[in-house]
Amino acid sequence: MSPRVLTTATLIVLLAAPAMADRKTTQQCGNQFDQCQTECSVNHKDEPSSRAPCVARCSGLYATCEASVAYDKAKPWVGEQVKKTEKFFEELIKKLDDKAVPPPQTKTKSNSI
């Protein structure tokens, strides 16, 4: 697989991964978590065994929200690193293409090949 294909694939994966991010802030993630916890407490106050999965769901939603916020903050940096990596491979390929392989030596009077 060529380096060009690899860098393009990397770019697609990095930029498309958290498409679900809906531009929330850390504060909004916390508020959403608190609301979810409150709902769990209200809906399952008489059933502690069914409250545990609800709390776990809230924690999962919070973790997903926080990861999306972090990704949104890192996206410009990731894009810059992808561009730098792509430029590195383009220059490397150009240097390798510029170095032509010398033709094989043929037998002459001065050598025994």
PDB file of N, CA and C in Angstrom:
ATOM      1  N   MET A   1       0.857  -1.172   0.000  1.00  0.00           N
ATOM      2  CA  MET A   1       0.000   0.000   0.000  1.00  0.00           C
ATOM      3  C   MET A   1       0.899   1.230   0.000  1.00  0.00           C
ATOM      4  N   SER A   2       0.591   2.183  -0.842  1.00  0.00           N
ATOM      5  CA  SER A   2       1.448   3.357  -0.957  1.00  0.00           C
ATOM      6  C   SER A   2       1.243   4.296   0.223  1.00  0.00           C
ATOM      7  N   PRO A   3       2.270   5.107   0.536  1.00  0.00           N
ATOM      8  CA  PRO A   3       2.148   6.070   1.636  1.00  0.00           C
ATOM      9  C   PRO A   3       1.005   7.058   1.405  1.00  0.00           C
ATOM     10  N   ARG A   4       0.749   7.397   0.154  1.00  0.00           N
ATOM     11  CA  ARG A   4      -0.323   8.347  -0.168  1.00  0.00           C
ATOM     12  C   ARG A   4      -1.680   7.774   0.258  1.00  0.00           C
ATOM     13  N   VAL A   5      -1.872   6.484  -0.014  1.00  0.00           N
ATOM     14  CA  VAL A   5      -3.121   5.827   0.372  1.00  0.00           C
ATOM     15  C   VAL A   5      -3.225   5.768   1.892  1.00  0.00           C
ATOM     16  N   LEU A   6      -2.107   5.484   2.558  1.00  0.00           N
ATOM     17  CA  LEU A   6      -2.115   5.407   4.019  1.00  0.00           C
ATOM     18  C   LEU A   6      -2.471   6.743   4.652  1.00  0.00           C
ATOM     19  N   THR A   7      -1.877   7.824   4.167  1.00  0.00           N
ATOM     20  CA  THR A   7      -2.159   9.123   4.774  1.00  0.00           C
ATOM     21  C   THR A   7      -3.587   9.561   4.488  1.00  0.00           C
ATOM     22  N   THR A   8      -4.099   9.248   3.318  1.00  0.00           N
ATOM     23  CA  THR A   8      -5.478   9.580   2.999  1.00  0.00           C
ATOM     24  C   THR A   8      -6.431   8.790   3.885  1.00  0.00           C
ATOM     25  N   ALA A   9      -6.133   7.508   4.067  1.00  0.00           N
ATOM     26  CA  ALA A   9      -6.967   6.669   4.927  1.00  0.00           C
ATOM     27  C   ALA A   9      -6.924   7.174   6.368  1.00  0.00           C
ATOM     28  N   THR A  10      -5.740   7.572   6.826  1.00  0.00           N
ATOM     29  CA  THR A  10      -5.602   8.107   8.183  1.00  0.00           C
ATOM     30  C   THR A  10      -6.444   9.365   8.337  1.00  0.00           C
ATOM     31  N   LEU A  11      -6.384  10.234   7.360  1.00  0.00           N
ATOM     32  CA  LEU A  11      -7.165  11.470   7.403  1.00  0.00           C
ATOM     33  C   LEU A  11      -8.658  11.175   7.492  1.00  0.00           C
ATOM     34  N   ILE A  12      -9.127  10.240   6.687  1.00  0.00           N
ATOM     35  CA  ILE A  12     -10.551   9.903   6.688  1.00  0.00           C
ATOM     36  C   ILE A  12     -10.968   9.371   8.050  1.00  0.00           C
ATOM     37  N   VAL A  13     -10.165   8.465   8.605  1.00  0.00           N
ATOM     38  CA  VAL A  13     -10.504   7.873   9.907  1.00  0.00           C
ATOM     39  C   VAL A  13     -10.514   8.925  10.998  1.00  0.00           C
ATOM     40  N   LEU A  14      -9.506   9.772  11.036  1.00  0.00           N
ATOM     41  CA  LEU A  14      -9.401  10.759  12.107  1.00  0.00           C
ATOM     42  C   LEU A  14     -10.486  11.828  12.043  1.00  0.00           C
ATOM     43  N   LEU A  15     -10.840  12.239  10.850  1.00  0.00           N
ATOM     44  CA  LEU A  15     -11.814  13.313  10.740  1.00  0.00           C
ATOM     45  C   LEU A  15     -13.257  12.817  10.761  1.00  0.00           C
ATOM     46  N   ALA A  16     -13.471  11.554  10.441  1.00  0.00           N
ATOM     47  CA  ALA A  16     -14.837  11.041  10.398  1.00  0.00           C
ATOM     48  C   ALA A  16     -15.230  10.319  11.676  1.00  0.00           C
ATOM     49  N   ALA A  17     -14.276   9.939  12.496  1.00  0.00           N
ATOM     50  CA  ALA A  17     -14.566   9.105  13.668  1.00  0.00           C
ATOM     51  C   ALA A  17     -15.684   9.649  14.546  1.00  0.00           C
ATOM     52  N   PRO A  18     -15.523  10.795  15.155  1.00  0.00           N
ATOM     53  CA  PRO A  18     -16.596  11.243  16.027  1.00  0.00           C
ATOM     54  C   PRO A  18     -17.560  12.199  15.334  1.00  0.00           C
ATOM     55  N   ALA A  19     -18.154  11.773  14.266  1.00  0.00           N
ATOM     56  CA  ALA A  19     -19.109  12.623  13.561  1.00  0.00           C
ATOM     57  C   ALA A  19     -20.330  12.897  14.430  1.00  0.00           C
ATOM     58  N   MET A  20     -20.497  12.093  15.491  1.00  0.00           N
ATOM     59  CA  MET A  20     -21.649  12.268  16.369  1.00  0.00           C
ATOM     60  C   MET A  20     -21.497  13.456  17.305  1.00  0.00           C
ATOM     61  N   ALA A  21     -20.323  14.059  17.343  1.00  0.00           N
ATOM     62  CA  ALA A  21     -20.106  15.185  18.247  1.00  0.00           C
ATOM     63  C   ALA A  21     -21.056  16.315  17.886  1.00  0.00           C
ATOM     64  N   ASP A  22     -21.796  16.789  18.869  1.00  0.00           N
ATOM     65  CA  ASP A  22     -22.755  17.851  18.592  1.00  0.00           C
ATOM     66  C   ASP A  22     -22.346  19.149  19.269  1.00  0.00           C
ATOM     67  N   ARG A  23     -21.060  19.402  19.288  1.00  0.00           N
ATOM     68  CA  ARG A  23     -20.498  20.670  19.757  1.00  0.00           C
ATOM     69  C   ARG A  23     -20.941  21.057  21.164  1.00  0.00           C
ATOM     70  N   LYS A  24     -20.915  20.120  22.078  1.00  0.00           N
ATOM     71  CA  LYS A  24     -21.258  20.422  23.467  1.00  0.00           C
ATOM     72  C   LYS A  24     -20.008  20.885  24.206  1.00  0.00           C
ATOM     73  N   THR A  25     -20.238  21.521  25.346  1.00  0.00           N
ATOM     74  CA  THR A  25     -19.131  21.922  26.208  1.00  0.00           C
ATOM     75  C   THR A  25     -19.036  20.933  27.366  1.00  0.00           C
ATOM     76  N   THR A  26     -17.944  21.005  28.092  1.00  0.00           N
ATOM     77  CA  THR A  26     -17.767  20.156  29.256  1.00  0.00           C
ATOM     78  C   THR A  26     -18.873  20.409  30.274  1.00  0.00           C
ATOM     79  N   GLN A  27     -19.251  21.663  30.432  1.00  0.00           N
ATOM     80  CA  GLN A  27     -20.338  22.013  31.362  1.00  0.00           C
ATOM     81  C   GLN A  27     -21.650  21.367  30.932  1.00  0.00           C
ATOM     82  N   GLN A  28     -21.949  21.389  29.651  1.00  0.00           N
ATOM     83  CA  GLN A  28     -23.174  20.765  29.159  1.00  0.00           C
ATOM     84  C   GLN A  28     -23.151  19.253  29.385  1.00  0.00           C
ATOM     85  N   CYS A  29     -21.988  18.638  29.214  1.00  0.00           N
ATOM     86  CA  CYS A  29     -21.865  17.198  29.472  1.00  0.00           C
ATOM     87  C   CYS A  29     -22.180  16.906  30.944  1.00  0.00           C
ATOM     88  N   GLY A  30     -21.657  17.742  31.835  1.00  0.00           N
ATOM     89  CA  GLY A  30     -21.916  17.569  33.265  1.00  0.00           C
ATOM     90  C   GLY A  30     -23.386  17.742  33.603  1.00  0.00           C
ATOM     91  N   ASN A  31     -24.012  18.740  33.003  1.00  0.00           N
ATOM     92  CA  ASN A  31     -25.443  18.968  33.238  1.00  0.00           C
ATOM     93  C   ASN A  31     -26.276  17.791  32.743  1.00  0.00           C
ATOM     94  N   GLN A  32     -25.919  17.291  31.568  1.00  0.00           N
ATOM     95  CA  GLN A  32     -26.623  16.135  31.010  1.00  0.00           C
ATOM     96  C   GLN A  32     -26.466  14.919  31.937  1.00  0.00           C
ATOM     97  N   PHE A  33     -25.280  14.729  32.476  1.00  0.00           N
ATOM     98  CA  PHE A  33     -25.023  13.621  33.399  1.00  0.00           C
ATOM     99  C   PHE A  33     -25.868  13.779  34.670  1.00  0.00           C
ATOM    100  N   ASP A  34     -25.883  14.977  35.216  1.00  0.00           N
ATOM    101  CA  ASP A  34     -26.677  15.226  36.431  1.00  0.00           C
ATOM    102  C   ASP A  34     -28.164  14.952  36.189  1.00  0.00           C
ATOM    103  N   GLN A  35     -28.671  15.399  35.049  1.00  0.00           N
ATOM    104  CA  GLN A  35     -30.078  15.153  34.724  1.00  0.00           C
ATOM    105  C   GLN A  35     -30.352  13.650  34.598  1.00  0.00           C
ATOM    106  N   CYS A  36     -29.451  12.946  33.959  1.00  0.00           N
ATOM    107  CA  CYS A  36     -29.613  11.502  33.793  1.00  0.00           C
ATOM    108  C   CYS A  36     -29.620  10.807  35.158  1.00  0.00           C
ATOM    109  N   GLN A  37     -28.693  11.208  36.045  1.00  0.00           N
ATOM    110  CA  GLN A  37     -28.624  10.632  37.391  1.00  0.00           C
ATOM    111  C   GLN A  37     -29.916  10.906  38.169  1.00  0.00           C
ATOM    112  N   THR A  38     -30.435  12.111  38.018  1.00  0.00           N
ATOM    113  CA  THR A  38     -31.685  12.468  38.700  1.00  0.00           C
ATOM    114  C   THR A  38     -32.832  11.599  38.194  1.00  0.00           C
ATOM    115  N   GLU A  39     -32.896  11.413  36.873  1.00  0.00           N
ATOM    116  CA  GLU A  39     -33.932  10.545  36.299  1.00  0.00           C
ATOM    117  C   GLU A  39     -33.817   9.118  36.840  1.00  0.00           C
ATOM    118  N   CYS A  40     -32.586   8.630  36.946  1.00  0.00           N
ATOM    119  CA  CYS A  40     -32.372   7.284  37.488  1.00  0.00           C
ATOM    120  C   CYS A  40     -32.899   7.201  38.923  1.00  0.00           C
ATOM    121  N   SER A  41     -32.588   8.211  39.706  1.00  0.00           N
ATOM    122  CA  SER A  41     -33.030   8.227  41.108  1.00  0.00           C
ATOM    123  C   SER A  41     -34.550   8.275  41.218  1.00  0.00           C
ATOM    124  N   VAL A  42     -35.179   9.093  40.377  1.00  0.00           N
ATOM    125  CA  VAL A  42     -36.634   9.229  40.415  1.00  0.00           C
ATOM    126  C   VAL A  42     -37.313   7.967  39.885  1.00  0.00           C
ATOM    127  N   ASN A  43     -36.863   7.467  38.768  1.00  0.00           N
ATOM    128  CA  ASN A  43     -37.514   6.324  38.122  1.00  0.00           C
ATOM    129  C   ASN A  43     -37.267   4.994  38.829  1.00  0.00           C
ATOM    130  N   HIS A  44     -36.169   4.899  39.567  1.00  0.00           N
ATOM    131  CA  HIS A  44     -35.804   3.620  40.179  1.00  0.00           C
ATOM    132  C   HIS A  44     -35.575   3.745  41.688  1.00  0.00           C
ATOM    133  N   LYS A  45     -36.276   4.658  42.337  1.00  0.00           N
ATOM    134  CA  LYS A  45     -36.042   4.868  43.772  1.00  0.00           C
ATOM    135  C   LYS A  45     -36.433   3.652  44.607  1.00  0.00           C
ATOM    136  N   ASP A  46     -37.417   2.892  44.149  1.00  0.00           N
ATOM    137  CA  ASP A  46     -37.834   1.708  44.894  1.00  0.00           C
ATOM    138  C   ASP A  46     -37.157   0.433  44.401  1.00  0.00           C
ATOM    139  N   GLU A  47     -36.366   0.530  43.347  1.00  0.00           N
ATOM    140  CA  GLU A  47     -35.728  -0.643  42.746  1.00  0.00           C
ATOM    141  C   GLU A  47     -34.221  -0.413  42.598  1.00  0.00           C
ATOM    142  N   PRO A  48     -33.453  -0.559  43.667  1.00  0.00           N
ATOM    143  CA  PRO A  48     -32.010  -0.300  43.585  1.00  0.00           C
ATOM    144  C   PRO A  48     -31.296  -1.184  42.553  1.00  0.00           C
ATOM    145  N   SER A  49     -31.784  -2.399  42.355  1.00  0.00           N
ATOM    146  CA  SER A  49     -31.116  -3.285  41.402  1.00  0.00           C
ATOM    147  C   SER A  49     -31.290  -2.804  39.960  1.00  0.00           C
ATOM    148  N   SER A  50     -32.361  -2.150  39.658  1.00  0.00           N
ATOM    149  CA  SER A  50     -32.546  -1.632  38.296  1.00  0.00           C
ATOM    150  C   SER A  50     -31.944  -0.239  38.135  1.00  0.00           C
ATOM    151  N   ARG A  51     -31.578   0.390  39.232  1.00  0.00           N
ATOM    152  CA  ARG A  51     -30.936   1.710  39.165  1.00  0.00           C
ATOM    153  C   ARG A  51     -29.499   1.597  38.658  1.00  0.00           C
ATOM    154  N   ALA A  52     -28.806   0.507  39.004  1.00  0.00           N
ATOM    155  CA  ALA A  52     -27.399   0.351  38.619  1.00  0.00           C
ATOM    156  C   ALA A  52     -27.193   0.425  37.100  1.00  0.00           C
ATOM    157  N   PRO A  53     -27.977  -0.291  36.283  1.00  0.00           N
ATOM    158  CA  PRO A  53     -27.792  -0.161  34.836  1.00  0.00           C
ATOM    159  C   PRO A  53     -28.089   1.249  34.327  1.00  0.00           C
ATOM    160  N   CYS A  54     -29.032   1.912  34.958  1.00  0.00           N
ATOM    161  CA  CYS A  54     -29.364   3.279  34.563  1.00  0.00           C
ATOM    162  C   CYS A  54     -28.181   4.213  34.830  1.00  0.00           C
ATOM    163  N   VAL A  55     -27.574   4.063  35.986  1.00  0.00           N
ATOM    164  CA  VAL A  55     -26.403   4.882  36.343  1.00  0.00           C
ATOM    165  C   VAL A  55     -25.244   4.578  35.386  1.00  0.00           C
ATOM    166  N   ALA A  56     -25.070   3.309  35.045  1.00  0.00           N
ATOM    167  CA  ALA A  56     -24.006   2.936  34.100  1.00  0.00           C
ATOM    168  C   ALA A  56     -24.250   3.581  32.736  1.00  0.00           C
ATOM    169  N   ARG A  57     -25.503   3.621  32.307  1.00  0.00           N
ATOM    170  CA  ARG A  57     -25.849   4.270  31.041  1.00  0.00           C
ATOM    171  C   ARG A  57     -25.504   5.759  31.096  1.00  0.00           C
ATOM    172  N   CYS A  58     -25.810   6.392  32.216  1.00  0.00           N
ATOM    173  CA  CYS A  58     -25.484   7.820  32.390  1.00  0.00           C
ATOM    174  C   CYS A  58     -23.976   8.050  32.287  1.00  0.00           C
ATOM    175  N   SER A  59     -23.217   7.174  32.920  1.00  0.00           N
ATOM    176  CA  SER A  59     -21.758   7.299  32.883  1.00  0.00           C
ATOM    177  C   SER A  59     -21.229   7.129  31.470  1.00  0.00           C
ATOM    178  N   GLY A  60     -21.807   6.188  30.734  1.00  0.00           N
ATOM    179  CA  GLY A  60     -21.402   5.985  29.334  1.00  0.00           C
ATOM    180  C   GLY A  60     -21.710   7.189  28.471  1.00  0.00           C
ATOM    181  N   LEU A  61     -22.880   7.757  28.665  1.00  0.00           N
ATOM    182  CA  LEU A  61     -23.247   8.964  27.913  1.00  0.00           C
ATOM    183  C   LEU A  61     -22.316  10.125  28.238  1.00  0.00           C
ATOM    184  N   TYR A  62     -21.955  10.244  29.517  1.00  0.00           N
ATOM    185  CA  TYR A  62     -21.045  11.310  29.931  1.00  0.00           C
ATOM    186  C   TYR A  62     -19.660  11.125  29.301  1.00  0.00           C
ATOM    187  N   ALA A  63     -19.161   9.890  29.332  1.00  0.00           N
ATOM    188  CA  ALA A  63     -17.845   9.612  28.753  1.00  0.00           C
ATOM    189  C   ALA A  63     -17.834   9.909  27.251  1.00  0.00           C
ATOM    190  N   THR A  64     -18.896   9.536  26.563  1.00  0.00           N
ATOM    191  CA  THR A  64     -19.001   9.804  25.127  1.00  0.00           C
ATOM    192  C   THR A  64     -19.039  11.304  24.856  1.00  0.00           C
ATOM    193  N   CYS A  65     -19.793  12.016  25.653  1.00  0.00           N
ATOM    194  CA  CYS A  65     -19.898  13.468  25.503  1.00  0.00           C
ATOM    195  C   CYS A  65     -18.535  14.137  25.721  1.00  0.00           C
ATOM    196  N   GLU A  66     -17.849  13.743  26.780  1.00  0.00           N
ATOM    197  CA  GLU A  66     -16.536  14.325  27.086  1.00  0.00           C
ATOM    198  C   GLU A  66     -15.517  14.008  25.978  1.00  0.00           C
ATOM    199  N   ALA A  67     -15.566  12.796  25.457  1.00  0.00           N
ATOM    200  CA  ALA A  67     -14.653  12.421  24.368  1.00  0.00           C
ATOM    201  C   ALA A  67     -14.927  13.273  23.135  1.00  0.00           C
ATOM    202  N   SER A  68     -16.183  13.547  22.859  1.00  0.00           N
ATOM    203  CA  SER A  68     -16.537  14.391  21.716  1.00  0.00           C
ATOM    204  C   SER A  68     -16.025  15.811  21.896  1.00  0.00           C
ATOM    205  N   VAL A  69     -16.151  16.330  23.114  1.00  0.00           N
ATOM    206  CA  VAL A  69     -15.657  17.680  23.406  1.00  0.00           C
ATOM    207  C   VAL A  69     -14.137  17.723  23.210  1.00  0.00           C
ATOM    208  N   ALA A  70     -13.442  16.724  23.714  1.00  0.00           N
ATOM    209  CA  ALA A  70     -11.977  16.674  23.574  1.00  0.00           C
ATOM    210  C   ALA A  70     -11.584  16.565  22.113  1.00  0.00           C
ATOM    211  N   TYR A  71     -12.294  15.756  21.362  1.00  0.00           N
ATOM    212  CA  TYR A  71     -11.982  15.610  19.937  1.00  0.00           C
ATOM    213  C   TYR A  71     -12.181  16.923  19.186  1.00  0.00           C
ATOM    214  N   ASP A  72     -13.279  17.613  19.471  1.00  0.00           N
ATOM    215  CA  ASP A  72     -13.526  18.894  18.807  1.00  0.00           C
ATOM    216  C   ASP A  72     -12.394  19.886  19.071  1.00  0.00           C
ATOM    217  N   LYS A  73     -11.854  19.848  20.281  1.00  0.00           N
ATOM    218  CA  LYS A  73     -10.748  20.744  20.615  1.00  0.00           C
ATOM    219  C   LYS A  73      -9.461  20.326  19.911  1.00  0.00           C
ATOM    220  N   ALA A  74      -9.276  19.022  19.699  1.00  0.00           N
ATOM    221  CA  ALA A  74      -8.039  18.515  19.101  1.00  0.00           C
ATOM    222  C   ALA A  74      -8.096  18.473  17.575  1.00  0.00           C
ATOM    223  N   LYS A  75      -9.263  18.582  16.987  1.00  0.00           N
ATOM    224  CA  LYS A  75      -9.418  18.409  15.540  1.00  0.00           C
ATOM    225  C   LYS A  75      -8.485  19.304  14.710  1.00  0.00           C
ATOM    226  N   PRO A  76      -8.343  20.592  15.011  1.00  0.00           N
ATOM    227  CA  PRO A  76      -7.433  21.421  14.207  1.00  0.00           C
ATOM    228  C   PRO A  76      -5.987  20.918  14.276  1.00  0.00           C
ATOM    229  N   TRP A  77      -5.555  20.515  15.460  1.00  0.00           N
ATOM    230  CA  TRP A  77      -4.196  20.000  15.616  1.00  0.00           C
ATOM    231  C   TRP A  77      -4.026  18.697  14.843  1.00  0.00           C
ATOM    232  N   VAL A  78      -5.002  17.818  14.910  1.00  0.00           N
ATOM    233  CA  VAL A  78      -4.933  16.541  14.196  1.00  0.00           C
ATOM    234  C   VAL A  78      -4.851  16.799  12.691  1.00  0.00           C
ATOM    235  N   GLY A  79      -5.671  17.715  12.204  1.00  0.00           N
ATOM    236  CA  GLY A  79      -5.639  18.052  10.781  1.00  0.00           C
ATOM    237  C   GLY A  79      -4.273  18.576  10.359  1.00  0.00           C
ATOM    238  N   GLU A  80      -3.674  19.399  11.194  1.00  0.00           N
ATOM    239  CA  GLU A  80      -2.340  19.936  10.902  1.00  0.00           C
ATOM    240  C   GLU A  80      -1.302  18.815  10.853  1.00  0.00           C
ATOM    241  N   GLN A  81      -1.386  17.873  11.789  1.00  0.00           N
ATOM    242  CA  GLN A  81      -0.434  16.761  11.807  1.00  0.00           C
ATOM    243  C   GLN A  81      -0.599  15.861  10.584  1.00  0.00           C
ATOM    244  N   VAL A  82      -1.831  15.680  10.145  1.00  0.00           N
ATOM    245  CA  VAL A  82      -2.071  14.875   8.941  1.00  0.00           C
ATOM    246  C   VAL A  82      -1.439  15.554   7.736  1.00  0.00           C
ATOM    247  N   LYS A  83      -1.595  16.881   7.631  1.00  0.00           N
ATOM    248  CA  LYS A  83      -0.996  17.616   6.513  1.00  0.00           C
ATOM    249  C   LYS A  83       0.528  17.501   6.535  1.00  0.00           C
ATOM    250  N   LYS A  84       1.128  17.623   7.725  1.00  0.00           N
ATOM    251  CA  LYS A  84       2.578  17.504   7.843  1.00  0.00           C
ATOM    252  C   LYS A  84       3.048  16.112   7.443  1.00  0.00           C
ATOM    253  N   THR A  85       2.301  15.091   7.867  1.00  0.00           N
ATOM    254  CA  THR A  85       2.670  13.716   7.532  1.00  0.00           C
ATOM    255  C   THR A  85       2.549  13.491   6.028  1.00  0.00           C
ATOM    256  N   GLU A  86       1.497  14.000   5.435  1.00  0.00           N
ATOM    257  CA  GLU A  86       1.297  13.864   4.002  1.00  0.00           C
ATOM    258  C   GLU A  86       2.438  14.545   3.242  1.00  0.00           C
ATOM    259  N   LYS A  87       2.826  15.738   3.673  1.00  0.00           N
ATOM    260  CA  LYS A  87       3.915  16.469   3.022  1.00  0.00           C
ATOM    261  C   LYS A  87       5.224  15.692   3.152  1.00  0.00           C
ATOM    262  N   PHE A  88       5.470  15.107   4.325  1.00  0.00           N
ATOM    263  CA  PHE A  88       6.680  14.313   4.544  1.00  0.00           C
ATOM    264  C   PHE A  88       6.752  13.164   3.546  1.00  0.00           C
ATOM    265  N   PHE A  89       5.652  12.418   3.392  1.00  0.00           N
ATOM    266  CA  PHE A  89       5.666  11.275   2.483  1.00  0.00           C
ATOM    267  C   PHE A  89       5.779  11.710   1.029  1.00  0.00           C
ATOM    268  N   GLU A  90       5.147  12.828   0.667  1.00  0.00           N
ATOM    269  CA  GLU A  90       5.270  13.330  -0.703  1.00  0.00           C
ATOM    270  C   GLU A  90       6.720  13.691  -1.020  1.00  0.00           C
ATOM    271  N   GLU A  91       7.397  14.355  -0.080  1.00  0.00           N
ATOM    272  CA  GLU A  91       8.801  14.722  -0.291  1.00  0.00           C
ATOM    273  C   GLU A  91       9.685  13.481  -0.334  1.00  0.00           C
ATOM    274  N   LEU A  92       9.397  12.515   0.509  1.00  0.00           N
ATOM    275  CA  LEU A  92      10.176  11.274   0.523  1.00  0.00           C
ATOM    276  C   LEU A  92      10.026  10.531  -0.799  1.00  0.00           C
ATOM    277  N   ILE A  93       8.814  10.425  -1.291  1.00  0.00           N
ATOM    278  CA  ILE A  93       8.581   9.745  -2.567  1.00  0.00           C
ATOM    279  C   ILE A  93       9.271  10.487  -3.700  1.00  0.00           C
ATOM    280  N   LYS A  94       9.225  11.830  -3.665  1.00  0.00           N
ATOM    281  CA  LYS A  94       9.886  12.623  -4.707  1.00  0.00           C
ATOM    282  C   LYS A  94      11.392  12.375  -4.685  1.00  0.00           C
ATOM    283  N   LYS A  95      11.991  12.330  -3.490  1.00  0.00           N
ATOM    284  CA  LYS A  95      13.434  12.079  -3.386  1.00  0.00           C
ATOM    285  C   LYS A  95      13.777  10.694  -3.914  1.00  0.00           C
ATOM    286  N   LEU A  96      12.949   9.724  -3.595  1.00  0.00           N
ATOM    287  CA  LEU A  96      13.216   8.372  -4.075  1.00  0.00           C
ATOM    288  C   LEU A  96      13.056   8.284  -5.587  1.00  0.00           C
ATOM    289  N   ASP A  97      12.095   9.003  -6.138  1.00  0.00           N
ATOM    290  CA  ASP A  97      11.906   9.012  -7.591  1.00  0.00           C
ATOM    291  C   ASP A  97      13.056   9.731  -8.300  1.00  0.00           C
ATOM    292  N   ASP A  98      13.625  10.761  -7.658  1.00  0.00           N
ATOM    293  CA  ASP A  98      14.715  11.518  -8.254  1.00  0.00           C
ATOM    294  C   ASP A  98      16.007  10.710  -8.338  1.00  0.00           C
ATOM    295  N   LYS A  99      16.170   9.774  -7.433  1.00  0.00           N
ATOM    296  CA  LYS A  99      17.379   8.943  -7.449  1.00  0.00           C
ATOM    297  C   LYS A  99      17.177   7.822  -8.456  1.00  0.00           C
ATOM    298  N   ALA A 100      17.657   8.073  -9.652  1.00  0.00           N
ATOM    299  CA  ALA A 100      17.515   7.064 -10.700  1.00  0.00           C
ATOM    300  C   ALA A 100      18.512   5.938 -10.441  1.00  0.00           C
ATOM    301  N   VAL A 101      18.097   4.747 -10.713  1.00  0.00           N
ATOM    302  CA  VAL A 101      18.974   3.595 -10.557  1.00  0.00           C
ATOM    303  C   VAL A 101      19.956   3.603 -11.713  1.00  0.00           C
ATOM    304  N   PRO A 102      21.272   3.551 -11.419  1.00  0.00           N
ATOM    305  CA  PRO A 102      22.247   3.579 -12.506  1.00  0.00           C
ATOM    306  C   PRO A 102      22.150   2.294 -13.341  1.00  0.00           C
ATOM    307  N   PRO A 103      22.434   2.424 -14.611  1.00  0.00           N
ATOM    308  CA  PRO A 103      22.365   1.231 -15.452  1.00  0.00           C
ATOM    309  C   PRO A 103      23.420   0.217 -15.014  1.00  0.00           C
ATOM    310  N   PRO A 104      23.166  -1.065 -15.213  1.00  0.00           N
ATOM    311  CA  PRO A 104      24.146  -2.068 -14.801  1.00  0.00           C
ATOM    312  C   PRO A 104      25.428  -1.937 -15.631  1.00  0.00           C
ATOM    313  N   GLN A 105      26.534  -2.233 -14.985  1.00  0.00           N
ATOM    314  CA  GLN A 105      27.814  -2.146 -15.683  1.00  0.00           C
ATOM    315  C   GLN A 105      27.936  -3.282 -16.692  1.00  0.00           C
ATOM    316  N   THR A 106      28.600  -2.948 -17.754  1.00  0.00           N
ATOM    317  CA  THR A 106      28.867  -3.969 -18.752  1.00  0.00           C
ATOM    318  C   THR A 106      30.354  -4.250 -18.771  1.00  0.00           C
ATOM    319  N   LYS A 107      30.706  -5.341 -19.343  1.00  0.00           N
ATOM    320  CA  LYS A 107      32.117  -5.731 -19.375  1.00  0.00           C
ATOM    321  C   LYS A 107      32.888  -4.803 -20.298  1.00  0.00           C
ATOM    322  N   THR A 108      33.984  -4.266 -19.769  1.00  0.00           N
ATOM    323  CA  THR A 108      34.867  -3.407 -20.547  1.00  0.00           C
ATOM    324  C   THR A 108      36.280  -3.941 -20.436  1.00  0.00           C
ATOM    325  N   LYS A 109      37.209  -3.281 -21.106  1.00  0.00           N
ATOM    326  CA  LYS A 109      38.617  -3.691 -21.038  1.00  0.00           C
ATOM    327  C   LYS A 109      39.188  -3.497 -19.654  1.00  0.00           C
ATOM    328  N   SER A 110      38.660  -2.496 -18.884  1.00  0.00           N
ATOM    329  CA  SER A 110      39.233  -2.196 -17.572  1.00  0.00           C
ATOM    330  C   SER A 110      38.570  -2.959 -16.424  1.00  0.00           C
ATOM    331  N   ASN A 111      37.508  -3.701 -16.662  1.00  0.00           N
ATOM    332  CA  ASN A 111      36.910  -4.489 -15.583  1.00  0.00           C
ATOM    333  C   ASN A 111      36.600  -5.903 -16.086  1.00  0.00           C
ATOM    334  N   SER A 112      36.327  -6.782 -15.163  1.00  0.00           N
ATOM    335  CA  SER A 112      36.099  -8.174 -15.566  1.00  0.00           C
ATOM    336  C   SER A 112      34.625  -8.569 -15.461  1.00  0.00           C
ATOM    337  N   ILE A 113      33.765  -7.574 -15.411  1.00  0.00           N
ATOM    338  CA  ILE A 113      32.332  -7.890 -15.293  1.00  0.00           C
ATOM    339  C   ILE A 113      31.771  -8.271 -16.626  1.00  0.00           C
TER     340      ILE A 113
END
